[in-house]
């Protein structure tokens, strides 16, 4: 058995040789984002973007699991009467953020983001009865993901950090956030640099084996 002995950055959870922390530019938001990460995603230290999202948003938190039905912190948020809780998930009954705002009652908005593959996301939502009953939000997006190192189920599927950026821009459009264009431009930097790094590594590997 080969053990990976490389040192790990315990902030972004990547090998220290490819740490992306220097590219992270934090954005303050009124909306709270709660990232629910599948254990398989937690182990994807090379290309997981849930950690980048969490590190980029001070008003966010991350929890690892599959069934969150009895998760103390998640239920604490959902049951708080001063909070509007939503889950980011597409569907016919979801609120289209492209055309409609959320949380017009002046309560704090919290958006749960499921960080997993599509099949695992469906399972997580089905098992987590507390999440299944929450109103869903979604958005329309017609550009291809920049996640060039990962095969997506279809061309419009986005990484967690890309999806979060889309949500933030739409919340900004509805005046629910006050974020500058420069902050938006910097938000994907750790993701973009990670993709560049992985592509470079792959090309170097191909050259070595030719």
C-alpha atoms as a PDB file:
ATOM      1  CA  UNK A   1       0.000   0.000   0.000  1.00  0.00           C
ATOM      2  CA  UNK A   2       1.328   3.426  -0.969  1.00  0.00           C
ATOM      3  CA  UNK A   3       0.723   6.196   1.543  1.00  0.00           C
ATOM      4  CA  UNK A   4       0.634   9.794   0.338  1.00  0.00           C
ATOM      5  CA  UNK A   5       3.186  11.511   2.575  1.00  0.00           C
ATOM      6  CA  UNK A   6       2.787  14.994   1.137  1.00  0.00           C
ATOM      7  CA  UNK A   7       2.129  17.764   3.646  1.00  0.00           C
ATOM      8  CA  UNK A   8      -1.432  19.057   3.590  1.00  0.00           C
ATOM      9  CA  UNK A   9      -2.697  22.596   4.072  1.00  0.00           C
ATOM     10  CA  UNK A  10      -5.335  22.292   6.766  1.00  0.00           C
ATOM     11  CA  UNK A  11      -7.081  25.430   5.533  1.00  0.00           C
ATOM     12  CA  UNK A  12      -7.916  24.490   1.936  1.00  0.00           C
ATOM     13  CA  UNK A  13      -7.167  20.762   2.500  1.00  0.00           C
ATOM     14  CA  UNK A  14      -4.945  20.552  -0.561  1.00  0.00           C
ATOM     15  CA  UNK A  15      -1.316  19.383  -0.625  1.00  0.00           C
ATOM     16  CA  UNK A  16       0.875  22.285   0.496  1.00  0.00           C
ATOM     17  CA  UNK A  17       2.661  22.149  -2.864  1.00  0.00           C
ATOM     18  CA  UNK A  18      -0.608  23.194  -4.546  1.00  0.00           C
ATOM     19  CA  UNK A  19      -2.210  25.266  -1.785  1.00  0.00           C
ATOM     20  CA  UNK A  20      -4.656  27.835  -3.195  1.00  0.00           C
ATOM     21  CA  UNK A  21      -5.209  29.910  -0.051  1.00  0.00           C
ATOM     22  CA  UNK A  22      -3.308  32.920  -1.398  1.00  0.00           C
ATOM     23  CA  UNK A  23      -5.919  33.324  -4.143  1.00  0.00           C
ATOM     24  CA  UNK A  24      -8.915  33.377  -1.818  1.00  0.00           C
ATOM     25  CA  UNK A  25     -10.618  36.782  -1.594  1.00  0.00           C
ATOM     26  CA  UNK A  26     -13.309  36.831   1.075  1.00  0.00           C
ATOM     27  CA  UNK A  27     -16.695  38.402   0.380  1.00  0.00           C
ATOM     28  CA  UNK A  28     -18.991  39.625   3.126  1.00  0.00           C
ATOM     29  CA  UNK A  29     -22.616  38.661   2.500  1.00  0.00           C
ATOM     30  CA  UNK A  30     -25.941  39.312   4.182  1.00  0.00           C
ATOM     31  CA  UNK A  31     -27.099  35.864   3.104  1.00  0.00           C
ATOM     32  CA  UNK A  32     -25.731  32.921   5.053  1.00  0.00           C
ATOM     33  CA  UNK A  33     -24.598  29.869   3.082  1.00  0.00           C
ATOM     34  CA  UNK A  34     -24.571  26.443   4.693  1.00  0.00           C
ATOM     35  CA  UNK A  35     -22.612  23.886   2.686  1.00  0.00           C
ATOM     36  CA  UNK A  36     -23.672  20.287   3.247  1.00  0.00           C
ATOM     37  CA  UNK A  37     -20.799  18.208   1.961  1.00  0.00           C
ATOM     38  CA  UNK A  38     -21.007  14.519   1.120  1.00  0.00           C
ATOM     39  CA  UNK A  39     -18.140  12.529   2.720  1.00  0.00           C
ATOM     40  CA  UNK A  40     -16.875  11.581  -0.750  1.00  0.00           C
ATOM     41  CA  UNK A  41     -16.482  15.270  -1.602  1.00  0.00           C
ATOM     42  CA  UNK A  42     -14.582  15.860   1.631  1.00  0.00           C
ATOM     43  CA  UNK A  43     -12.007  13.314   0.475  1.00  0.00           C
ATOM     44  CA  UNK A  44     -11.569  15.001  -2.931  1.00  0.00           C
ATOM     45  CA  UNK A  45      -8.669  17.165  -1.858  1.00  0.00           C
ATOM     46  CA  UNK A  46      -7.491  17.734  -5.429  1.00  0.00           C
ATOM     47  CA  UNK A  47     -10.589  19.294  -6.930  1.00  0.00           C
ATOM     48  CA  UNK A  48     -13.273  19.849  -4.302  1.00  0.00           C
ATOM     49  CA  UNK A  49     -14.631  23.405  -4.451  1.00  0.00           C
ATOM     50  CA  UNK A  50     -16.873  23.308  -1.379  1.00  0.00           C
ATOM     51  CA  UNK A  51     -13.901  24.230   0.814  1.00  0.00           C
ATOM     52  CA  UNK A  52     -13.048  27.194  -1.439  1.00  0.00           C
ATOM     53  CA  UNK A  53     -16.637  28.402  -1.176  1.00  0.00           C
ATOM     54  CA  UNK A  54     -16.610  28.147   2.606  1.00  0.00           C
ATOM     55  CA  UNK A  55     -13.255  29.933   2.897  1.00  0.00           C
ATOM     56  CA  UNK A  56     -14.400  32.711   0.552  1.00  0.00           C
ATOM     57  CA  UNK A  57     -17.573  33.512   2.489  1.00  0.00           C
ATOM     58  CA  UNK A  58     -17.169  34.548   6.157  1.00  0.00           C
ATOM     59  CA  UNK A  59     -20.935  34.194   6.587  1.00  0.00           C
ATOM     60  CA  UNK A  60     -20.930  30.479   5.809  1.00  0.00           C
ATOM     61  CA  UNK A  61     -20.410  27.141   7.473  1.00  0.00           C
ATOM     62  CA  UNK A  62     -19.788  23.622   6.312  1.00  0.00           C
ATOM     63  CA  UNK A  63     -21.081  20.271   7.587  1.00  0.00           C
ATOM     64  CA  UNK A  64     -20.200  16.792   6.380  1.00  0.00           C
ATOM     65  CA  UNK A  65     -22.713  13.980   6.141  1.00  0.00           C
ATOM     66  CA  UNK A  66     -25.434  12.294   4.109  1.00  0.00           C
ATOM     67  CA  UNK A  67     -28.601  12.294   6.197  1.00  0.00           C
ATOM     68  CA  UNK A  68     -29.052  15.604   8.035  1.00  0.00           C
ATOM     69  CA  UNK A  69     -32.507  14.817   9.445  1.00  0.00           C
ATOM     70  CA  UNK A  70     -31.264  14.821  13.036  1.00  0.00           C
ATOM     71  CA  UNK A  71     -28.323  17.185  12.601  1.00  0.00           C
ATOM     72  CA  UNK A  72     -28.437  19.561  15.567  1.00  0.00           C
ATOM     73  CA  UNK A  73     -26.962  22.648  13.874  1.00  0.00           C
ATOM     74  CA  UNK A  74     -28.949  22.243  10.648  1.00  0.00           C
ATOM     75  CA  UNK A  75     -32.213  21.896  12.576  1.00  0.00           C
ATOM     76  CA  UNK A  76     -31.296  24.857  14.754  1.00  0.00           C
ATOM     77  CA  UNK A  77     -31.129  27.032  11.635  1.00  0.00           C
ATOM     78  CA  UNK A  78     -34.263  25.621  10.009  1.00  0.00           C
ATOM     79  CA  UNK A  79     -36.348  25.992  13.179  1.00  0.00           C
ATOM     80  CA  UNK A  80     -35.227  29.581  13.833  1.00  0.00           C
ATOM     81  CA  UNK A  81     -38.298  31.781  13.255  1.00  0.00           C
ATOM     82  CA  UNK A  82     -36.084  34.748  12.350  1.00  0.00           C
ATOM     83  CA  UNK A  83     -34.584  32.895   9.389  1.00  0.00           C
ATOM     84  CA  UNK A  84     -35.841  32.119   5.889  1.00  0.00           C
ATOM     85  CA  UNK A  85     -34.265  28.778   4.976  1.00  0.00           C
ATOM     86  CA  UNK A  86     -33.905  27.581   1.385  1.00  0.00           C
ATOM     87  CA  UNK A  87     -32.080  24.763  -0.355  1.00  0.00           C
ATOM     88  CA  UNK A  88     -30.342  25.298  -3.691  1.00  0.00           C
ATOM     89  CA  UNK A  89     -31.786  22.595  -5.905  1.00  0.00           C
ATOM     90  CA  UNK A  90     -33.441  22.656  -9.350  1.00  0.00           C
ATOM     91  CA  UNK A  91     -37.046  21.593  -9.835  1.00  0.00           C
ATOM     92  CA  UNK A  92     -40.377  22.613 -11.288  1.00  0.00           C
ATOM     93  CA  UNK A  93     -41.425  24.014  -7.910  1.00  0.00           C
ATOM     94  CA  UNK A  94     -38.187  25.877  -7.195  1.00  0.00           C
ATOM     95  CA  UNK A  95     -37.949  29.685  -7.058  1.00  0.00           C
ATOM     96  CA  UNK A  96     -36.153  30.956 -10.157  1.00  0.00           C
ATOM     97  CA  UNK A  97     -33.690  33.536  -8.856  1.00  0.00           C
ATOM     98  CA  UNK A  98     -33.310  34.962 -12.347  1.00  0.00           C
ATOM     99  CA  UNK A  99     -36.783  36.434 -12.094  1.00  0.00           C
ATOM    100  CA  UNK A 100     -37.862  36.319  -8.444  1.00  0.00           C
ATOM    101  CA  UNK A 101     -36.302  37.536  -5.171  1.00  0.00           C
ATOM    102  CA  UNK A 102     -36.373  35.598  -1.909  1.00  0.00           C
ATOM    103  CA  UNK A 103     -36.871  36.644   1.695  1.00  0.00           C
ATOM    104  CA  UNK A 104     -38.912  39.803   1.248  1.00  0.00           C
ATOM    105  CA  UNK A 105     -39.981  39.683   4.927  1.00  0.00           C
ATOM    106  CA  UNK A 106     -36.702  41.198   6.237  1.00  0.00           C
ATOM    107  CA  UNK A 107     -35.648  37.997   8.015  1.00  0.00           C
ATOM    108  CA  UNK A 108     -32.158  36.607   7.512  1.00  0.00           C
ATOM    109  CA  UNK A 109     -31.858  34.409   4.424  1.00  0.00           C
ATOM    110  CA  UNK A 110     -30.021  31.101   4.668  1.00  0.00           C
ATOM    111  CA  UNK A 111     -29.312  28.971   1.613  1.00  0.00           C
ATOM    112  CA  UNK A 112     -28.289  25.338   2.042  1.00  0.00           C
ATOM    113  CA  UNK A 113     -25.986  24.111  -0.718  1.00  0.00           C
ATOM    114  CA  UNK A 114     -25.579  20.381  -1.278  1.00  0.00           C
ATOM    115  CA  UNK A 115     -21.964  19.736  -2.248  1.00  0.00           C
ATOM    116  CA  UNK A 116     -21.955  16.388  -4.006  1.00  0.00           C
ATOM    117  CA  UNK A 117     -22.431  14.611  -7.320  1.00  0.00           C
ATOM    118  CA  UNK A 118     -25.943  14.779  -8.780  1.00  0.00           C
ATOM    119  CA  UNK A 119     -26.846  11.166  -7.870  1.00  0.00           C
ATOM    120  CA  UNK A 120     -25.559  11.621  -4.309  1.00  0.00           C
ATOM    121  CA  UNK A 121     -27.312  14.995  -4.004  1.00  0.00           C
ATOM    122  CA  UNK A 122     -30.647  13.372  -4.809  1.00  0.00           C
ATOM    123  CA  UNK A 123     -30.029  10.760  -2.137  1.00  0.00           C
ATOM    124  CA  UNK A 124     -28.978  13.359   0.447  1.00  0.00           C
ATOM    125  CA  UNK A 125     -32.110  15.409  -0.186  1.00  0.00           C
ATOM    126  CA  UNK A 126     -34.346  12.336  -0.080  1.00  0.00           C
ATOM    127  CA  UNK A 127     -32.881  11.073   3.203  1.00  0.00           C
ATOM    128  CA  UNK A 128     -32.744  14.494   4.883  1.00  0.00           C
ATOM    129  CA  UNK A 129     -36.430  14.987   5.669  1.00  0.00           C
ATOM    130  CA  UNK A 130     -35.783  18.440   7.168  1.00  0.00           C
ATOM    131  CA  UNK A 131     -34.232  19.653   3.905  1.00  0.00           C
ATOM    132  CA  UNK A 132     -36.760  17.983   1.647  1.00  0.00           C
ATOM    133  CA  UNK A 133     -39.550  20.207   2.986  1.00  0.00           C
ATOM    134  CA  UNK A 134     -37.667  23.496   2.522  1.00  0.00           C
ATOM    135  CA  UNK A 135     -38.500  25.812  -0.385  1.00  0.00           C
ATOM    136  CA  UNK A 136     -36.049  25.279  -3.229  1.00  0.00           C
ATOM    137  CA  UNK A 137     -34.223  27.950  -5.192  1.00  0.00           C
ATOM    138  CA  UNK A 138     -32.525  27.603  -8.552  1.00  0.00           C
ATOM    139  CA  UNK A 139     -31.238  29.698 -11.442  1.00  0.00           C
ATOM    140  CA  UNK A 140     -30.972  29.567 -15.215  1.00  0.00           C
ATOM    141  CA  UNK A 141     -27.474  29.341 -16.628  1.00  0.00           C
ATOM    142  CA  UNK A 142     -26.494  28.805 -20.240  1.00  0.00           C
ATOM    143  CA  UNK A 143     -22.694  28.906 -20.163  1.00  0.00           C
ATOM    144  CA  UNK A 144     -20.408  25.909 -19.862  1.00  0.00           C
ATOM    145  CA  UNK A 145     -18.634  25.237 -16.574  1.00  0.00           C
ATOM    146  CA  UNK A 146     -14.918  26.023 -16.368  1.00  0.00           C
ATOM    147  CA  UNK A 147     -14.390  22.790 -14.429  1.00  0.00           C
ATOM    148  CA  UNK A 148     -12.338  21.378 -17.316  1.00  0.00           C
ATOM    149  CA  UNK A 149     -10.695  18.683 -15.204  1.00  0.00           C
ATOM    150  CA  UNK A 150     -13.978  17.042 -14.244  1.00  0.00           C
ATOM    151  CA  UNK A 151     -16.663  15.428 -16.390  1.00  0.00           C
ATOM    152  CA  UNK A 152     -20.092  16.902 -15.617  1.00  0.00           C
ATOM    153  CA  UNK A 153     -23.400  15.069 -16.287  1.00  0.00           C
ATOM    154  CA  UNK A 154     -24.285  17.809 -18.769  1.00  0.00           C
ATOM    155  CA  UNK A 155     -22.592  20.958 -20.037  1.00  0.00           C
ATOM    156  CA  UNK A 156     -24.599  23.309 -17.809  1.00  0.00           C
ATOM    157  CA  UNK A 157     -23.720  21.608 -14.509  1.00  0.00           C
ATOM    158  CA  UNK A 158     -21.540  23.810 -12.329  1.00  0.00           C
ATOM    159  CA  UNK A 159     -19.138  23.311  -9.461  1.00  0.00           C
ATOM    160  CA  UNK A 160     -20.216  24.418  -5.978  1.00  0.00           C
ATOM    161  CA  UNK A 161     -18.204  27.640  -6.113  1.00  0.00           C
ATOM    162  CA  UNK A 162     -19.515  28.513  -9.594  1.00  0.00           C
ATOM    163  CA  UNK A 163     -23.100  27.892  -8.485  1.00  0.00           C
ATOM    164  CA  UNK A 164     -22.596  30.062  -5.420  1.00  0.00           C
ATOM    165  CA  UNK A 165     -21.257  32.896  -7.572  1.00  0.00           C
ATOM    166  CA  UNK A 166     -24.358  32.709  -9.793  1.00  0.00           C
ATOM    167  CA  UNK A 167     -26.610  32.868  -6.728  1.00  0.00           C
ATOM    168  CA  UNK A 168     -24.700  35.843  -5.304  1.00  0.00           C
ATOM    169  CA  UNK A 169     -24.964  37.779  -8.560  1.00  0.00           C
ATOM    170  CA  UNK A 170     -28.712  37.208  -8.698  1.00  0.00           C
ATOM    171  CA  UNK A 171     -29.164  38.186  -5.045  1.00  0.00           C
ATOM    172  CA  UNK A 172     -27.190  41.322  -5.884  1.00  0.00           C
ATOM    173  CA  UNK A 173     -29.529  41.978  -8.804  1.00  0.00           C
ATOM    174  CA  UNK A 174     -32.502  41.856  -6.410  1.00  0.00           C
ATOM    175  CA  UNK A 175     -30.711  44.229  -3.986  1.00  0.00           C
ATOM    176  CA  UNK A 176     -30.435  41.507  -1.369  1.00  0.00           C
ATOM    177  CA  UNK A 177     -26.643  41.861  -1.442  1.00  0.00           C
ATOM    178  CA  UNK A 178     -24.272  44.764  -1.994  1.00  0.00           C
ATOM    179  CA  UNK A 179     -21.258  43.214  -3.690  1.00  0.00           C
ATOM    180  CA  UNK A 180     -18.951  45.012  -6.135  1.00  0.00           C
ATOM    181  CA  UNK A 181     -18.034  43.721  -9.587  1.00  0.00           C
ATOM    182  CA  UNK A 182     -14.394  43.522  -8.511  1.00  0.00           C
ATOM    183  CA  UNK A 183     -15.320  41.183  -5.661  1.00  0.00           C
ATOM    184  CA  UNK A 184     -17.256  39.013  -8.094  1.00  0.00           C
ATOM    185  CA  UNK A 185     -14.300  38.947 -10.487  1.00  0.00           C
ATOM    186  CA  UNK A 186     -11.976  37.716  -7.721  1.00  0.00           C
ATOM    187  CA  UNK A 187     -14.348  35.121  -6.274  1.00  0.00           C
ATOM    188  CA  UNK A 188     -13.395  32.301  -8.658  1.00  0.00           C
ATOM    189  CA  UNK A 189      -9.632  32.868  -8.457  1.00  0.00           C
ATOM    190  CA  UNK A 190      -8.815  29.855  -6.246  1.00  0.00           C
ATOM    191  CA  UNK A 191     -10.984  27.673  -8.476  1.00  0.00           C
ATOM    192  CA  UNK A 192      -9.443  28.974 -11.713  1.00  0.00           C
ATOM    193  CA  UNK A 193      -5.900  28.596 -10.390  1.00  0.00           C
ATOM    194  CA  UNK A 194      -6.664  25.071  -9.190  1.00  0.00           C
ATOM    195  CA  UNK A 195      -7.944  24.088 -12.637  1.00  0.00           C
ATOM    196  CA  UNK A 196      -4.844  25.618 -14.267  1.00  0.00           C
ATOM    197  CA  UNK A 197      -2.592  23.722 -11.863  1.00  0.00           C
ATOM    198  CA  UNK A 198      -4.323  20.384 -12.496  1.00  0.00           C
ATOM    199  CA  UNK A 199      -4.154  20.845 -16.274  1.00  0.00           C
ATOM    200  CA  UNK A 200      -0.449  21.687 -16.069  1.00  0.00           C
ATOM    201  CA  UNK A 201       0.192  18.583 -13.953  1.00  0.00           C
ATOM    202  CA  UNK A 202      -1.675  16.410 -16.455  1.00  0.00           C
ATOM    203  CA  UNK A 203       0.276  17.831 -19.390  1.00  0.00           C
ATOM    204  CA  UNK A 204       3.592  17.331 -17.613  1.00  0.00           C
ATOM    205  CA  UNK A 205       2.618  13.762 -16.824  1.00  0.00           C
ATOM    206  CA  UNK A 206       1.778  13.097 -20.476  1.00  0.00           C
ATOM    207  CA  UNK A 207       5.143  14.531 -21.571  1.00  0.00           C
ATOM    208  CA  UNK A 208       7.039  12.316 -19.102  1.00  0.00           C
ATOM    209  CA  UNK A 209       5.354   9.157 -20.391  1.00  0.00           C
ATOM    210  CA  UNK A 210       5.772   9.904 -24.101  1.00  0.00           C
END
